[in-house]
Full PDB file with SEQRES, HELIX, SHEET, SSBOND, CRYST1, ORIGX, SCALE, CONECT and MASTER records, all heavy atoms in Angstrom:
SEQRES   1 A   37  LYS ILE LYS ASP ALA MET GLU GLY ASP ALA GLU THR VAL          
SEQRES   2 A   37  ALA PRO ASP MET THR LEU PHE ASP ALA TYR LYS ALA MET          
SEQRES   3 A   37  GLN LYS ASN LYS TRP ASP MET ILE ALA VAL MET                  
HELIX    1 AA1 ILE A    2  ALA A    5  1                                   4    
HELIX    2 AA2 LEU A   19  ASN A   29  1                                  11    
SHEET    1 AA1 2 THR A  12  VAL A  13  0                                        
SHEET    2 AA1 2 ALA A  35  VAL A  36  1                                        
CRYST1    1.000    1.000    1.000  90.00  90.00  90.00 P 1           1          
ORIGX1      1.000000  0.000000  0.000000        0.00000                         
ORIGX2      0.000000  1.000000  0.000000        0.00000                         
ORIGX3      0.000000  0.000000  1.000000        0.00000                         
SCALE1      1.000000  0.000000  0.000000        0.00000                         
SCALE2      0.000000  1.000000  0.000000        0.00000                         
SCALE3      0.000000  0.000000  1.000000        0.00000                         
ATOM      1  N   LYS A   1     -59.019   4.043  12.175  1.00  0.00           N  
ATOM      2  CA  LYS A   1     -58.093   4.781  11.328  1.00  0.00           C  
ATOM      3  C   LYS A   1     -57.394   3.837  10.339  1.00  0.00           C  
ATOM      4  O   LYS A   1     -57.102   2.684  10.655  1.00  0.00           O  
ATOM      5  CB  LYS A   1     -57.036   5.489  12.176  1.00  0.00           C  
ATOM      6  CG  LYS A   1     -57.602   6.504  13.160  1.00  0.00           C  
ATOM      7  CD  LYS A   1     -58.255   7.674  12.433  1.00  0.00           C  
ATOM      8  CE  LYS A   1     -58.727   8.737  13.415  1.00  0.00           C  
ATOM      9  NZ  LYS A   1     -59.400   9.877  12.736  1.00  0.00           N  
ATOM     10  N   ILE A   2     -57.147   4.374   9.164  1.00  0.00           N  
ATOM     11  CA  ILE A   2     -56.468   3.597   8.129  1.00  0.00           C  
ATOM     12  C   ILE A   2     -55.108   3.121   8.608  1.00  0.00           C  
ATOM     13  O   ILE A   2     -54.704   1.978   8.356  1.00  0.00           O  
ATOM     14  CB  ILE A   2     -56.330   4.436   6.840  1.00  0.00           C  
ATOM     15  CG1 ILE A   2     -57.683   4.565   6.148  1.00  0.00           C  
ATOM     16  CG2 ILE A   2     -55.298   3.815   5.897  1.00  0.00           C  
ATOM     17  CD1 ILE A   2     -57.680   5.436   4.923  1.00  0.00           C  
ATOM     18  N   LYS A   3     -54.376   3.962   9.322  1.00  0.00           N  
ATOM     19  CA  LYS A   3     -53.028   3.607   9.767  1.00  0.00           C  
ATOM     20  C   LYS A   3     -53.027   2.392  10.696  1.00  0.00           C  
ATOM     21  O   LYS A   3     -52.020   1.690  10.799  1.00  0.00           O  
ATOM     22  CB  LYS A   3     -52.371   4.793  10.461  1.00  0.00           C  
ATOM     23  CG  LYS A   3     -53.062   5.271  11.729  1.00  0.00           C  
ATOM     24  CD  LYS A   3     -52.355   6.486  12.306  1.00  0.00           C  
ATOM     25  CE  LYS A   3     -53.060   7.013  13.569  1.00  0.00           C  
ATOM     26  NZ  LYS A   3     -52.392   8.234  14.093  1.00  0.00           N  
ATOM     27  N   ASP A   4     -54.155   2.150  11.367  1.00  0.00           N  
ATOM     28  CA  ASP A   4     -54.248   1.004  12.275  1.00  0.00           C  
ATOM     29  C   ASP A   4     -54.643  -0.280  11.548  1.00  0.00           C  
ATOM     30  O   ASP A   4     -54.563  -1.371  12.123  1.00  0.00           O  
ATOM     31  CB  ASP A   4     -55.262   1.288  13.379  1.00  0.00           C  
ATOM     32  CG  ASP A   4     -54.831   2.458  14.267  1.00  0.00           C  
ATOM     33  OD1 ASP A   4     -53.615   2.573  14.528  1.00  0.00           O  
ATOM     34  OD2 ASP A   4     -55.704   3.243  14.683  1.00  0.00           O  
ATOM     35  N   ALA A   5     -55.080  -0.146  10.313  1.00  0.00           N  
ATOM     36  CA  ALA A   5     -55.506  -1.324   9.539  1.00  0.00           C  
ATOM     37  C   ALA A   5     -54.453  -1.768   8.533  1.00  0.00           C  
ATOM     38  O   ALA A   5     -54.526  -2.884   8.009  1.00  0.00           O  
ATOM     39  CB  ALA A   5     -56.812  -1.014   8.799  1.00  0.00           C  
ATOM     40  N   MET A   6     -53.478  -0.906   8.279  1.00  0.00           N  
ATOM     41  CA  MET A   6     -52.421  -1.240   7.315  1.00  0.00           C  
ATOM     42  C   MET A   6     -51.464  -2.267   7.897  1.00  0.00           C  
ATOM     43  O   MET A   6     -51.212  -2.290   9.091  1.00  0.00           O  
ATOM     44  CB  MET A   6     -51.631   0.022   6.931  1.00  0.00           C  
ATOM     45  CG  MET A   6     -52.421   1.037   6.161  1.00  0.00           C  
ATOM     46  SD  MET A   6     -51.559   2.635   6.111  1.00  0.00           S  
ATOM     47  CE  MET A   6     -49.897   2.154   5.631  1.00  0.00           C  
ATOM     48  N   GLU A   7     -50.926  -3.115   7.020  1.00  0.00           N  
ATOM     49  CA  GLU A   7     -49.909  -4.066   7.450  1.00  0.00           C  
ATOM     50  C   GLU A   7     -48.564  -3.364   7.560  1.00  0.00           C  
ATOM     51  O   GLU A   7     -48.186  -2.590   6.686  1.00  0.00           O  
ATOM     52  CB  GLU A   7     -49.795  -5.228   6.453  1.00  0.00           C  
ATOM     53  CG  GLU A   7     -50.996  -6.155   6.479  1.00  0.00           C  
ATOM     54  CD  GLU A   7     -50.760  -7.386   5.646  1.00  0.00           C  
ATOM     55  OE1 GLU A   7     -49.605  -7.594   5.225  1.00  0.00           O  
ATOM     56  OE2 GLU A   7     -51.715  -8.133   5.410  1.00  0.00           O  
ATOM     57  N   GLY A   8     -47.827  -3.642   8.618  1.00  0.00           N  
ATOM     58  CA  GLY A   8     -46.515  -3.024   8.791  1.00  0.00           C  
ATOM     59  C   GLY A   8     -45.433  -3.729   7.992  1.00  0.00           C  
ATOM     60  O   GLY A   8     -45.552  -4.914   7.665  1.00  0.00           O  
ATOM     61  N   ASP A   9     -44.368  -2.999   7.673  1.00  0.00           N  
ATOM     62  CA  ASP A   9     -43.214  -3.557   6.953  1.00  0.00           C  
ATOM     63  C   ASP A   9     -43.630  -4.310   5.697  1.00  0.00           C  
ATOM     64  O   ASP A   9     -43.245  -5.460   5.464  1.00  0.00           O  
ATOM     65  CB  ASP A   9     -42.405  -4.495   7.858  1.00  0.00           C  
ATOM     66  CG  ASP A   9     -41.875  -3.781   9.092  1.00  0.00           C  
ATOM     67  OD1 ASP A   9     -41.504  -2.601   8.972  1.00  0.00           O  
ATOM     68  OD2 ASP A   9     -41.841  -4.401  10.174  1.00  0.00           O  
ATOM     69  N   ALA A  10     -44.451  -3.678   4.884  1.00  0.00           N  
ATOM     70  CA  ALA A  10     -44.912  -4.313   3.651  1.00  0.00           C  
ATOM     71  C   ALA A  10     -43.759  -4.520   2.671  1.00  0.00           C  
ATOM     72  O   ALA A  10     -42.830  -3.724   2.604  1.00  0.00           O  
ATOM     73  CB  ALA A  10     -46.004  -3.456   3.005  1.00  0.00           C  
ATOM     74  N   GLU A  11     -43.836  -5.604   1.913  1.00  0.00           N  
ATOM     75  CA  GLU A  11     -42.809  -5.903   0.915  1.00  0.00           C  
ATOM     76  C   GLU A  11     -42.933  -4.936  -0.257  1.00  0.00           C  
ATOM     77  O   GLU A  11     -44.000  -4.384  -0.536  1.00  0.00           O  
ATOM     78  CB  GLU A  11     -42.965  -7.343   0.422  1.00  0.00           C  
ATOM     79  CG  GLU A  11     -42.722  -8.390   1.484  1.00  0.00           C  
ATOM     80  CD  GLU A  11     -41.266  -8.483   1.876  1.00  0.00           C  
ATOM     81  OE1 GLU A  11     -40.406  -8.115   1.064  1.00  0.00           O  
ATOM     82  OE2 GLU A  11     -40.990  -8.934   2.998  1.00  0.00           O  
ATOM     83  N   THR A  12     -41.836  -4.748  -0.981  1.00  0.00           N  
ATOM     84  CA  THR A  12     -41.815  -3.892  -2.160  1.00  0.00           C  
ATOM     85  C   THR A  12     -41.052  -4.592  -3.275  1.00  0.00           C  
ATOM     86  O   THR A  12     -40.377  -5.595  -3.042  1.00  0.00           O  
ATOM     87  CB  THR A  12     -41.146  -2.530  -1.864  1.00  0.00           C  
ATOM     88  OG1 THR A  12     -39.759  -2.758  -1.517  1.00  0.00           O  
ATOM     89  CG2 THR A  12     -41.845  -1.817  -0.719  1.00  0.00           C  
ATOM     90  N   VAL A  13     -41.160  -4.063  -4.487  1.00  0.00           N  
ATOM     91  CA  VAL A  13     -40.390  -4.572  -5.619  1.00  0.00           C  
ATOM     92  C   VAL A  13     -39.667  -3.397  -6.278  1.00  0.00           C  
ATOM     93  O   VAL A  13     -40.095  -2.244  -6.164  1.00  0.00           O  
ATOM     94  CB  VAL A  13     -41.279  -5.285  -6.658  1.00  0.00           C  
ATOM     95  CG1 VAL A  13     -41.844  -6.577  -6.083  1.00  0.00           C  
ATOM     96  CG2 VAL A  13     -42.419  -4.379  -7.135  1.00  0.00           C  
ATOM     97  N   ALA A  14     -38.569  -3.714  -6.966  1.00  0.00           N  
ATOM     98  CA  ALA A  14     -37.784  -2.687  -7.650  1.00  0.00           C  
ATOM     99  C   ALA A  14     -38.214  -2.587  -9.108  1.00  0.00           C  
ATOM    100  O   ALA A  14     -38.686  -3.568  -9.686  1.00  0.00           O  
ATOM    101  CB  ALA A  14     -36.294  -3.035  -7.562  1.00  0.00           C  
ATOM    102  N   PRO A  15     -38.056  -1.420  -9.722  1.00  0.00           N  
ATOM    103  CA  PRO A  15     -38.484  -1.234 -11.108  1.00  0.00           C  
ATOM    104  C   PRO A  15     -37.789  -2.157 -12.110  1.00  0.00           C  
ATOM    105  O   PRO A  15     -38.373  -2.534 -13.129  1.00  0.00           O  
ATOM    106  CB  PRO A  15     -38.128   0.237 -11.395  1.00  0.00           C  
ATOM    107  CG  PRO A  15     -38.086   0.888 -10.060  1.00  0.00           C  
ATOM    108  CD  PRO A  15     -37.568  -0.151  -9.127  1.00  0.00           C  
ATOM    109  N   ASP A  16     -36.517  -2.534 -11.823  1.00  0.00           N  
ATOM    110  CA  ASP A  16     -35.785  -3.365 -12.776  1.00  0.00           C  
ATOM    111  C   ASP A  16     -35.966  -4.861 -12.538  1.00  0.00           C  
ATOM    112  O   ASP A  16     -35.367  -5.685 -13.232  1.00  0.00           O  
ATOM    113  CB  ASP A  16     -34.294  -3.020 -12.739  1.00  0.00           C  
ATOM    114  CG  ASP A  16     -33.691  -3.187 -11.343  1.00  0.00           C  
ATOM    115  OD1 ASP A  16     -34.458  -3.427 -10.403  1.00  0.00           O  
ATOM    116  OD2 ASP A  16     -32.455  -3.074 -11.220  1.00  0.00           O  
ATOM    117  N   MET A  17     -36.811  -5.231 -11.602  1.00  0.00           N  
ATOM    118  CA  MET A  17     -37.108  -6.640 -11.354  1.00  0.00           C  
ATOM    119  C   MET A  17     -37.952  -7.182 -12.512  1.00  0.00           C  
ATOM    120  O   MET A  17     -38.809  -6.488 -13.049  1.00  0.00           O  
ATOM    121  CB  MET A  17     -37.894  -6.766 -10.037  1.00  0.00           C  
ATOM    122  CG  MET A  17     -38.176  -8.170  -9.583  1.00  0.00           C  
ATOM    123  SD  MET A  17     -39.115  -8.128  -8.006  1.00  0.00           S  
ATOM    124  CE  MET A  17     -39.022  -9.841  -7.519  1.00  0.00           C  
ATOM    125  N   THR A  18     -37.687  -8.433 -12.939  1.00  0.00           N  
ATOM    126  CA  THR A  18     -38.487  -8.981 -14.031  1.00  0.00           C  
ATOM    127  C   THR A  18     -39.937  -9.103 -13.599  1.00  0.00           C  
ATOM    128  O   THR A  18     -40.239  -9.401 -12.433  1.00  0.00           O  
ATOM    129  CB  THR A  18     -37.983 -10.360 -14.494  1.00  0.00           C  
ATOM    130  OG1 THR A  18     -38.201 -11.319 -13.462  1.00  0.00           O  
ATOM    131  CG2 THR A  18     -36.511 -10.303 -14.860  1.00  0.00           C  
ATOM    132  N   LEU A  19     -40.821  -8.906 -14.534  1.00  0.00           N  
ATOM    133  CA  LEU A  19     -42.244  -8.966 -14.231  1.00  0.00           C  
ATOM    134  C   LEU A  19     -42.646 -10.366 -13.765  1.00  0.00           C  
ATOM    135  O   LEU A  19     -43.539 -10.520 -12.924  1.00  0.00           O  
ATOM    136  CB  LEU A  19     -43.045  -8.569 -15.482  1.00  0.00           C  
ATOM    137  CG  LEU A  19     -44.456  -8.016 -15.291  1.00  0.00           C  
ATOM    138  CD1 LEU A  19     -44.483  -6.901 -14.264  1.00  0.00           C  
ATOM    139  CD2 LEU A  19     -45.012  -7.533 -16.617  1.00  0.00           C  
ATOM    140  N   PHE A  20     -41.964 -11.380 -14.280  1.00  0.00           N  
ATOM    141  CA  PHE A  20     -42.287 -12.754 -13.880  1.00  0.00           C  
ATOM    142  C   PHE A  20     -41.894 -13.018 -12.432  1.00  0.00           C  
ATOM    143  O   PHE A  20     -42.636 -13.671 -11.692  1.00  0.00           O  
ATOM    144  CB  PHE A  20     -41.589 -13.747 -14.803  1.00  0.00           C  
ATOM    145  CG  PHE A  20     -41.967 -15.183 -14.545  1.00  0.00           C  
ATOM    146  CD1 PHE A  20     -43.288 -15.575 -14.536  1.00  0.00           C  
ATOM    147  CD2 PHE A  20     -40.991 -16.134 -14.304  1.00  0.00           C  
ATOM    148  CE1 PHE A  20     -43.650 -16.902 -14.291  1.00  0.00           C  
ATOM    149  CE2 PHE A  20     -41.337 -17.452 -14.069  1.00  0.00           C  
ATOM    150  CZ  PHE A  20     -42.665 -17.839 -14.062  1.00  0.00           C  
ATOM    151  N   ASP A  21     -40.728 -12.523 -12.007  1.00  0.00           N  
ATOM    152  CA  ASP A  21     -40.312 -12.691 -10.610  1.00  0.00           C  
ATOM    153  C   ASP A  21     -41.285 -11.990  -9.663  1.00  0.00           C  
ATOM    154  O   ASP A  21     -41.626 -12.518  -8.594  1.00  0.00           O  
ATOM    155  CB  ASP A  21     -38.897 -12.150 -10.402  1.00  0.00           C  
ATOM    156  CG  ASP A  21     -37.836 -13.066 -10.974  1.00  0.00           C  
ATOM    157  OD1 ASP A  21     -38.134 -14.260 -11.172  1.00  0.00           O  
ATOM    158  OD2 ASP A  21     -36.709 -12.594 -11.239  1.00  0.00           O  
ATOM    159  N   ALA A  22     -41.720 -10.803 -10.061  1.00  0.00           N  
ATOM    160  CA  ALA A  22     -42.691 -10.069  -9.239  1.00  0.00           C  
ATOM    161  C   ALA A  22     -44.018 -10.825  -9.189  1.00  0.00           C  
ATOM    162  O   ALA A  22     -44.646 -10.933  -8.131  1.00  0.00           O  
ATOM    163  CB  ALA A  22     -42.906  -8.670  -9.811  1.00  0.00           C  
ATOM    164  N   TYR A  23     -44.422 -11.367 -10.317  1.00  0.00           N  
ATOM    165  CA  TYR A  23     -45.671 -12.129 -10.399  1.00  0.00           C  
ATOM    166  C   TYR A  23     -45.623 -13.354  -9.488  1.00  0.00           C  
ATOM    167  O   TYR A  23     -46.579 -13.639  -8.752  1.00  0.00           O  
ATOM    168  CB  TYR A  23     -45.924 -12.551 -11.845  1.00  0.00           C  
ATOM    169  CG  TYR A  23     -47.043 -13.544 -12.017  1.00  0.00           C  
ATOM    170  CD1 TYR A  23     -48.376 -13.162 -11.896  1.00  0.00           C  
ATOM    171  CD2 TYR A  23     -46.772 -14.885 -12.303  1.00  0.00           C  
ATOM    172  CE1 TYR A  23     -49.401 -14.074 -12.057  1.00  0.00           C  
ATOM    173  CE2 TYR A  23     -47.790 -15.802 -12.463  1.00  0.00           C  
ATOM    174  CZ  TYR A  23     -49.097 -15.390 -12.337  1.00  0.00           C  
ATOM    175  OH  TYR A  23     -50.109 -16.311 -12.498  1.00  0.00           O  
ATOM    176  N   LYS A  24     -44.511 -14.087  -9.524  1.00  0.00           N  
ATOM    177  CA  LYS A  24     -44.372 -15.285  -8.682  1.00  0.00           C  
ATOM    178  C   LYS A  24     -44.451 -14.928  -7.202  1.00  0.00           C  
ATOM    179  O   LYS A  24     -45.082 -15.644  -6.419  1.00  0.00           O  
ATOM    180  CB  LYS A  24     -43.056 -16.005  -8.995  1.00  0.00           C  
ATOM    181  CG  LYS A  24     -43.032 -16.726 -10.322  1.00  0.00           C  
ATOM    182  CD  LYS A  24     -41.803 -17.614 -10.458  1.00  0.00           C  
ATOM    183  CE  LYS A  24     -40.530 -16.811 -10.479  1.00  0.00           C  
ATOM    184  NZ  LYS A  24     -39.332 -17.667 -10.693  1.00  0.00           N  
ATOM    185  N   ALA A  25     -43.785 -13.834  -6.821  1.00  0.00           N  
ATOM    186  CA  ALA A  25     -43.797 -13.405  -5.423  1.00  0.00           C  
ATOM    187  C   ALA A  25     -45.210 -13.023  -4.985  1.00  0.00           C  
ATOM    188  O   ALA A  25     -45.646 -13.357  -3.874  1.00  0.00           O  
ATOM    189  CB  ALA A  25     -42.847 -12.230  -5.226  1.00  0.00           C  
ATOM    190  N   MET A  26     -45.934 -12.340  -5.858  1.00  0.00           N  
ATOM    191  CA  MET A  26     -47.290 -11.917  -5.525  1.00  0.00           C  
ATOM    192  C   MET A  26     -48.240 -13.109  -5.445  1.00  0.00           C  
ATOM    193  O   MET A  26     -49.106 -13.172  -4.564  1.00  0.00           O  
ATOM    194  CB  MET A  26     -47.789 -10.893  -6.545  1.00  0.00           C  
ATOM    195  CG  MET A  26     -47.001  -9.586  -6.521  1.00  0.00           C  
ATOM    196  SD  MET A  26     -47.531  -8.379  -7.760  1.00  0.00           S  
ATOM    197  CE  MET A  26     -49.061  -7.779  -7.008  1.00  0.00           C  
ATOM    198  N   GLN A  27     -48.058 -14.073  -6.337  1.00  0.00           N  
ATOM    199  CA  GLN A  27     -48.881 -15.279  -6.306  1.00  0.00           C  
ATOM    200  C   GLN A  27     -48.615 -16.087  -5.043  1.00  0.00           C  
ATOM    201  O   GLN A  27     -49.540 -16.542  -4.370  1.00  0.00           O  
ATOM    202  CB  GLN A  27     -48.585 -16.147  -7.541  1.00  0.00           C  
ATOM    203  CG  GLN A  27     -49.212 -15.651  -8.811  1.00  0.00           C  
ATOM    204  CD  GLN A  27     -50.678 -16.032  -8.909  1.00  0.00           C  
ATOM    205  OE1 GLN A  27     -51.544 -15.420  -8.277  1.00  0.00           O  
ATOM    206  NE2 GLN A  27     -50.984 -17.034  -9.695  1.00  0.00           N  
ATOM    207  N   LYS A  28     -47.335 -16.250  -4.721  1.00  0.00           N  
ATOM    208  CA  LYS A  28     -46.943 -17.051  -3.560  1.00  0.00           C  
ATOM    209  C   LYS A  28     -47.471 -16.463  -2.258  1.00  0.00           C  
ATOM    210  O   LYS A  28     -47.953 -17.182  -1.373  1.00  0.00           O  
ATOM    211  CB  LYS A  28     -45.427 -17.169  -3.505  1.00  0.00           C  
ATOM    212  CG  LYS A  28     -44.904 -17.965  -2.323  1.00  0.00           C  
ATOM    213  CD  LYS A  28     -43.387 -18.018  -2.314  1.00  0.00           C  
ATOM    214  CE  LYS A  28     -42.866 -18.768  -1.103  1.00  0.00           C  
ATOM    215  NZ  LYS A  28     -41.375 -18.817  -1.083  1.00  0.00           N  
ATOM    216  N   ASN A  29     -47.385 -15.135  -2.129  1.00  0.00           N  
ATOM    217  CA  ASN A  29     -47.785 -14.470  -0.888  1.00  0.00           C  
ATOM    218  C   ASN A  29     -49.215 -13.936  -0.914  1.00  0.00           C  
ATOM    219  O   ASN A  29     -49.665 -13.326   0.052  1.00  0.00           O  
ATOM    220  CB  ASN A  29     -46.815 -13.323  -0.595  1.00  0.00           C  
ATOM    221  CG  ASN A  29     -45.405 -13.814  -0.329  1.00  0.00           C  
ATOM    222  OD1 ASN A  29     -45.114 -14.359   0.732  1.00  0.00           O  
ATOM    223  ND2 ASN A  29     -44.504 -13.634  -1.302  1.00  0.00           N  
ATOM    224  N   LYS A  30     -49.900 -14.151  -2.056  1.00  0.00           N  
ATOM    225  CA  LYS A  30     -51.297 -13.722  -2.217  1.00  0.00           C  
ATOM    226  C   LYS A  30     -51.457 -12.221  -2.018  1.00  0.00           C  
ATOM    227  O   LYS A  30     -52.337 -11.747  -1.299  1.00  0.00           O  
ATOM    228  CB  LYS A  30     -52.201 -14.502  -1.247  1.00  0.00           C  
ATOM    229  CG  LYS A  30     -52.200 -15.995  -1.511  1.00  0.00           C  
ATOM    230  CD  LYS A  30     -53.118 -16.744  -0.561  1.00  0.00           C  
ATOM    231  CE  LYS A  30     -53.098 -18.242  -0.868  1.00  0.00           C  
ATOM    232  NZ  LYS A  30     -53.985 -19.015   0.033  1.00  0.00           N  
ATOM    233  N   TRP A  31     -50.555 -11.461  -2.691  1.00  0.00           N  
ATOM    234  CA  TRP A  31     -50.652 -10.005  -2.668  1.00  0.00           C  
ATOM    235  C   TRP A  31     -51.434  -9.541  -3.883  1.00  0.00           C  
ATOM    236  O   TRP A  31     -51.090  -9.877  -5.019  1.00  0.00           O  
ATOM    237  CB  TRP A  31     -49.261  -9.364  -2.705  1.00  0.00           C  
ATOM    238  CG  TRP A  31     -48.410  -9.644  -1.508  1.00  0.00           C  
ATOM    239  CD1 TRP A  31     -48.816  -9.794  -0.216  1.00  0.00           C  
ATOM    240  CD2 TRP A  31     -46.983  -9.809  -1.498  1.00  0.00           C  
ATOM    241  NE1 TRP A  31     -47.737 -10.027   0.608  1.00  0.00           N  
ATOM    242  CE2 TRP A  31     -46.603 -10.045  -0.150  1.00  0.00           C  
ATOM    243  CE3 TRP A  31     -45.997  -9.770  -2.470  1.00  0.00           C  
ATOM    244  CZ2 TRP A  31     -45.289 -10.255   0.230  1.00  0.00           C  
ATOM    245  CZ3 TRP A  31     -44.678  -9.976  -2.106  1.00  0.00           C  
ATOM    246  CH2 TRP A  31     -44.334 -10.217  -0.761  1.00  0.00           C  
ATOM    247  N   ASP A  32     -52.466  -8.738  -3.686  1.00  0.00           N  
ATOM    248  CA  ASP A  32     -53.211  -8.167  -4.808  1.00  0.00           C  
ATOM    249  C   ASP A  32     -52.467  -6.985  -5.430  1.00  0.00           C  
ATOM    250  O   ASP A  32     -52.614  -6.707  -6.626  1.00  0.00           O  
ATOM    251  CB  ASP A  32     -54.595  -7.702  -4.342  1.00  0.00           C  
ATOM    252  CG  ASP A  32     -55.479  -8.867  -3.936  1.00  0.00           C  
ATOM    253  OD1 ASP A  32     -55.339  -9.941  -4.540  1.00  0.00           O  
ATOM    254  OD2 ASP A  32     -56.295  -8.709  -3.011  1.00  0.00           O  
ATOM    255  N   MET A  33     -51.682  -6.298  -4.614  1.00  0.00           N  
ATOM    256  CA  MET A  33     -50.910  -5.153  -5.087  1.00  0.00           C  
ATOM    257  C   MET A  33     -49.665  -5.006  -4.235  1.00  0.00           C  
ATOM    258  O   MET A  33     -49.608  -5.495  -3.106  1.00  0.00           O  
ATOM    259  CB  MET A  33     -51.753  -3.875  -5.030  1.00  0.00           C  
ATOM    260  CG  MET A  33     -52.302  -3.551  -3.645  1.00  0.00           C  
ATOM    261  SD  MET A  33     -53.526  -2.216  -3.619  1.00  0.00           S  
ATOM    262  CE  MET A  33     -52.555  -0.821  -4.159  1.00  0.00           C  
ATOM    263  N   ILE A  34     -48.669  -4.347  -4.797  1.00  0.00           N  
ATOM    264  CA  ILE A  34     -47.407  -4.167  -4.082  1.00  0.00           C  
ATOM    265  C   ILE A  34     -46.791  -2.846  -4.510  1.00  0.00           C  
ATOM    266  O   ILE A  34     -46.975  -2.400  -5.661  1.00  0.00           O  
ATOM    267  CB  ILE A  34     -46.448  -5.346  -4.357  1.00  0.00           C  
ATOM    268  CG1 ILE A  34     -45.265  -5.323  -3.386  1.00  0.00           C  
ATOM    269  CG2 ILE A  34     -45.996  -5.364  -5.802  1.00  0.00           C  
ATOM    270  CD1 ILE A  34     -44.436  -6.590  -3.427  1.00  0.00           C  
ATOM    271  N   ALA A  35     -46.066  -2.200  -3.610  1.00  0.00           N  
ATOM    272  CA  ALA A  35     -45.451  -0.911  -3.917  1.00  0.00           C  
ATOM    273  C   ALA A  35     -44.164  -1.105  -4.708  1.00  0.00           C  
ATOM    274  O   ALA A  35     -43.419  -2.061  -4.492  1.00  0.00           O  
ATOM    275  CB  ALA A  35     -45.156  -0.156  -2.622  1.00  0.00           C  
ATOM    276  N   VAL A  36     -43.925  -0.196  -5.642  1.00  0.00           N  
ATOM    277  CA  VAL A  36     -42.687  -0.192  -6.429  1.00  0.00           C  
ATOM    278  C   VAL A  36     -41.798   0.921  -5.876  1.00  0.00           C  
ATOM    279  O   VAL A  36     -42.178   2.096  -5.889  1.00  0.00           O  
ATOM    280  CB  VAL A  36     -42.984   0.054  -7.921  1.00  0.00           C  
ATOM    281  CG1 VAL A  36     -41.687   0.039  -8.725  1.00  0.00           C  
ATOM    282  CG2 VAL A  36     -43.954  -1.001  -8.455  1.00  0.00           C  
ATOM    283  N   MET A  37     -40.620   0.541  -5.376  1.00  0.00           N  
ATOM    284  CA  MET A  37     -39.705   1.491  -4.756  1.00  0.00           C  
ATOM    285  C   MET A  37     -38.360   1.480  -5.486  1.00  0.00           C  
ATOM    286  O   MET A  37     -37.865   0.430  -5.878  1.00  0.00           O  
ATOM    287  CB  MET A  37     -39.487   1.142  -3.289  1.00  0.00           C  
ATOM    288  CG  MET A  37     -40.755   1.056  -2.447  1.00  0.00           C  
ATOM    289  SD  MET A  37     -41.540   2.658  -2.151  1.00  0.00           S  
ATOM    290  CE  MET A  37     -40.403   3.364  -0.946  1.00  0.00           C  
TER     291      MET A  37                                                      
MASTER        0    0    0    2    2    0    0    6  290    1    0    3          
END                                                                             
């Protein structure tokens, strides 16, 4: 099941966060995608 393969407590970013800060976080943690909340 998909629910068993998902990572728990995934990180998110806010809409007003600078794109560069989000980029650095994604590069550092090797995230291909992240949810915007």
